[in-house]
Amino acid sequence: MTTINEVEHKIDSHVDKCELRYQAIQVELRMCNARLKRMEQIGIAVAGGAVTTAIAIIMLLIQIITKGA
């Protein structure tokens, strides 16, 4: 039969293991957040470049059309 001390030891051991697991999960989440932030920054930069390029093409087409008219 298990004693109260054994049960308390098992619970304390379990709590310690859970704390280590929780810390590992937190580290992984921080790493994922950093990756997502980098991907977001790249996406914003690419979108900005695409919009700038589209505006430049439209301006060029307008110049060509107005010179031809």
N, C-alpha and C. Protein backbone atom coordinates (compact mmCIF):
# COMPACT_ATOMS: atom_id res chain seq x y z
N MET A 1 0.84 -1.18 0.00
CA MET A 1 0.00 0.00 0.00
C MET A 1 0.89 1.25 0.00
N THR A 2 0.49 2.23 -0.81
CA THR A 2 1.30 3.43 -0.89
C THR A 2 1.00 4.37 0.26
N THR A 3 2.04 5.01 0.71
CA THR A 3 1.89 5.94 1.83
C THR A 3 1.66 7.35 1.30
N ILE A 4 1.28 8.21 2.20
CA ILE A 4 1.05 9.61 1.83
C ILE A 4 2.33 10.24 1.31
N ASN A 5 3.46 9.91 1.94
CA ASN A 5 4.74 10.47 1.50
C ASN A 5 5.08 10.04 0.08
N GLU A 6 4.79 8.78 -0.25
CA GLU A 6 5.06 8.30 -1.61
C GLU A 6 4.19 9.02 -2.63
N VAL A 7 2.94 9.21 -2.28
CA VAL A 7 2.01 9.91 -3.18
C VAL A 7 2.46 11.36 -3.36
N GLU A 8 2.84 12.01 -2.28
CA GLU A 8 3.32 13.39 -2.36
C GLU A 8 4.58 13.47 -3.23
N HIS A 9 5.46 12.49 -3.09
CA HIS A 9 6.68 12.47 -3.89
C HIS A 9 6.35 12.30 -5.37
N LYS A 10 5.39 11.41 -5.67
CA LYS A 10 4.98 11.20 -7.06
C LYS A 10 4.37 12.49 -7.64
N ILE A 11 3.55 13.14 -6.85
CA ILE A 11 2.92 14.39 -7.31
C ILE A 11 3.97 15.46 -7.54
N ASP A 12 4.89 15.60 -6.59
CA ASP A 12 5.96 16.60 -6.73
C ASP A 12 6.82 16.29 -7.95
N SER A 13 7.12 15.03 -8.17
CA SER A 13 7.90 14.63 -9.33
C SER A 13 7.15 14.97 -10.62
N HIS A 14 5.87 14.71 -10.61
CA HIS A 14 5.03 15.02 -11.78
C HIS A 14 5.01 16.52 -12.04
N VAL A 15 4.87 17.30 -10.99
CA VAL A 15 4.84 18.76 -11.13
C VAL A 15 6.16 19.26 -11.71
N ASP A 16 7.27 18.71 -11.24
CA ASP A 16 8.59 19.11 -11.74
C ASP A 16 8.73 18.78 -13.23
N LYS A 17 8.29 17.58 -13.62
CA LYS A 17 8.36 17.20 -15.03
C LYS A 17 7.48 18.11 -15.89
N CYS A 18 6.31 18.42 -15.39
CA CYS A 18 5.41 19.30 -16.14
C CYS A 18 6.01 20.69 -16.30
N GLU A 19 6.69 21.17 -15.28
CA GLU A 19 7.33 22.48 -15.34
C GLU A 19 8.41 22.50 -16.43
N LEU A 20 9.19 21.44 -16.51
CA LEU A 20 10.22 21.35 -17.56
C LEU A 20 9.58 21.30 -18.94
N ARG A 21 8.52 20.54 -19.08
CA ARG A 21 7.82 20.46 -20.37
C ARG A 21 7.24 21.82 -20.75
N TYR A 22 6.66 22.51 -19.78
CA TYR A 22 6.06 23.81 -20.02
C TYR A 22 7.13 24.81 -20.48
N GLN A 23 8.29 24.77 -19.85
CA GLN A 23 9.39 25.66 -20.25
C GLN A 23 9.84 25.36 -21.67
N ALA A 24 9.92 24.09 -22.03
CA ALA A 24 10.32 23.70 -23.39
C ALA A 24 9.28 24.18 -24.40
N ILE A 25 8.02 24.08 -24.05
CA ILE A 25 6.95 24.55 -24.94
C ILE A 25 7.05 26.06 -25.13
N GLN A 26 7.33 26.78 -24.06
CA GLN A 26 7.47 28.24 -24.14
C GLN A 26 8.62 28.63 -25.07
N VAL A 27 9.73 27.91 -24.99
CA VAL A 27 10.88 28.19 -25.86
C VAL A 27 10.48 27.96 -27.32
N GLU A 28 9.79 26.87 -27.59
CA GLU A 28 9.35 26.57 -28.96
C GLU A 28 8.40 27.65 -29.48
N LEU A 29 7.48 28.10 -28.63
CA LEU A 29 6.54 29.14 -29.05
C LEU A 29 7.27 30.44 -29.37
N ARG A 30 8.26 30.79 -28.58
CA ARG A 30 9.04 32.00 -28.86
C ARG A 30 9.76 31.89 -30.19
N MET A 31 10.31 30.71 -30.47
CA MET A 31 11.01 30.51 -31.74
C MET A 31 10.03 30.61 -32.91
N CYS A 32 8.84 30.03 -32.74
CA CYS A 32 7.82 30.10 -33.80
C CYS A 32 7.37 31.54 -34.02
N ASN A 33 7.21 32.29 -32.94
CA ASN A 33 6.80 33.68 -33.06
C ASN A 33 7.85 34.49 -33.80
N ALA A 34 9.12 34.22 -33.54
CA ALA A 34 10.20 34.93 -34.23
C ALA A 34 10.18 34.60 -35.71
N ARG A 35 9.97 33.34 -36.05
CA ARG A 35 9.90 32.95 -37.46
C ARG A 35 8.71 33.61 -38.16
N LEU A 36 7.57 33.61 -37.50
CA LEU A 36 6.38 34.23 -38.09
C LEU A 36 6.59 35.73 -38.30
N LYS A 37 7.25 36.38 -37.36
CA LYS A 37 7.50 37.81 -37.50
C LYS A 37 8.40 38.07 -38.71
N ARG A 38 9.44 37.26 -38.89
CA ARG A 38 10.31 37.42 -40.06
C ARG A 38 9.53 37.20 -41.35
N MET A 39 8.70 36.17 -41.37
CA MET A 39 7.90 35.89 -42.57
C MET A 39 6.94 37.04 -42.86
N GLU A 40 6.36 37.61 -41.82
CA GLU A 40 5.45 38.74 -41.99
C GLU A 40 6.20 39.94 -42.57
N GLN A 41 7.39 40.20 -42.07
CA GLN A 41 8.17 41.33 -42.58
C GLN A 41 8.54 41.12 -44.05
N ILE A 42 8.90 39.91 -44.40
CA ILE A 42 9.21 39.61 -45.80
C ILE A 42 7.97 39.80 -46.67
N GLY A 43 6.84 39.31 -46.20
CA GLY A 43 5.59 39.46 -46.96
C GLY A 43 5.23 40.92 -47.17
N ILE A 44 5.39 41.74 -46.15
CA ILE A 44 5.09 43.17 -46.28
C ILE A 44 6.03 43.83 -47.28
N ALA A 45 7.31 43.47 -47.21
CA ALA A 45 8.28 44.04 -48.15
C ALA A 45 7.96 43.63 -49.58
N VAL A 46 7.62 42.37 -49.79
CA VAL A 46 7.28 41.91 -51.14
C VAL A 46 6.02 42.61 -51.64
N ALA A 47 5.02 42.74 -50.79
CA ALA A 47 3.78 43.41 -51.20
C ALA A 47 4.06 44.87 -51.55
N GLY A 48 4.89 45.54 -50.75
CA GLY A 48 5.25 46.92 -51.04
C GLY A 48 5.97 47.04 -52.37
N GLY A 49 6.88 46.11 -52.63
CA GLY A 49 7.59 46.12 -53.91
C GLY A 49 6.65 45.89 -55.08
N ALA A 50 5.71 44.98 -54.91
CA ALA A 50 4.74 44.70 -55.98
C ALA A 50 3.87 45.92 -56.26
N VAL A 51 3.42 46.60 -55.22
CA VAL A 51 2.59 47.79 -55.41
C VAL A 51 3.40 48.89 -56.09
N THR A 52 4.63 49.08 -55.65
CA THR A 52 5.48 50.09 -56.26
C THR A 52 5.73 49.79 -57.74
N THR A 53 6.00 48.54 -58.04
CA THR A 53 6.22 48.15 -59.43
C THR A 53 4.96 48.36 -60.27
N ALA A 54 3.81 48.01 -59.73
CA ALA A 54 2.55 48.20 -60.46
C ALA A 54 2.31 49.68 -60.72
N ILE A 55 2.57 50.52 -59.75
CA ILE A 55 2.39 51.97 -59.94
C ILE A 55 3.34 52.48 -61.02
N ALA A 56 4.58 52.02 -60.98
CA ALA A 56 5.56 52.45 -61.99
C ALA A 56 5.12 52.04 -63.38
N ILE A 57 4.61 50.84 -63.53
CA ILE A 57 4.14 50.37 -64.85
C ILE A 57 2.95 51.19 -65.32
N ILE A 58 2.03 51.47 -64.42
CA ILE A 58 0.85 52.27 -64.79
C ILE A 58 1.28 53.67 -65.21
N MET A 59 2.21 54.27 -64.47
CA MET A 59 2.70 55.61 -64.82
C MET A 59 3.38 55.59 -66.19
N LEU A 60 4.17 54.56 -66.45
CA LEU A 60 4.85 54.43 -67.74
C LEU A 60 3.83 54.29 -68.87
N LEU A 61 2.81 53.47 -68.66
CA LEU A 61 1.76 53.31 -69.68
C LEU A 61 1.02 54.61 -69.92
N ILE A 62 0.76 55.35 -68.87
CA ILE A 62 0.07 56.65 -69.03
C ILE A 62 0.93 57.60 -69.85
N GLN A 63 2.25 57.61 -69.58
CA GLN A 63 3.14 58.47 -70.35
C GLN A 63 3.16 58.07 -71.83
N ILE A 64 3.21 56.77 -72.07
CA ILE A 64 3.23 56.30 -73.47
C ILE A 64 1.93 56.66 -74.16
N ILE A 65 0.81 56.50 -73.51
CA ILE A 65 -0.50 56.80 -74.11
C ILE A 65 -0.63 58.28 -74.38
N THR A 66 -0.22 59.14 -73.43
CA THR A 66 -0.37 60.58 -73.62
C THR A 66 0.58 61.10 -74.69
N LYS A 67 1.74 60.54 -74.86
CA LYS A 67 2.67 60.98 -75.92
C LYS A 67 2.16 60.56 -77.29
N GLY A 68 1.52 59.42 -77.36
CA GLY A 68 1.00 58.91 -78.61
C GLY A 68 -0.26 59.63 -79.06
N ALA A 69 -0.97 60.25 -78.16
CA ALA A 69 -2.25 60.87 -78.50
C ALA A 69 -2.08 62.21 -79.07
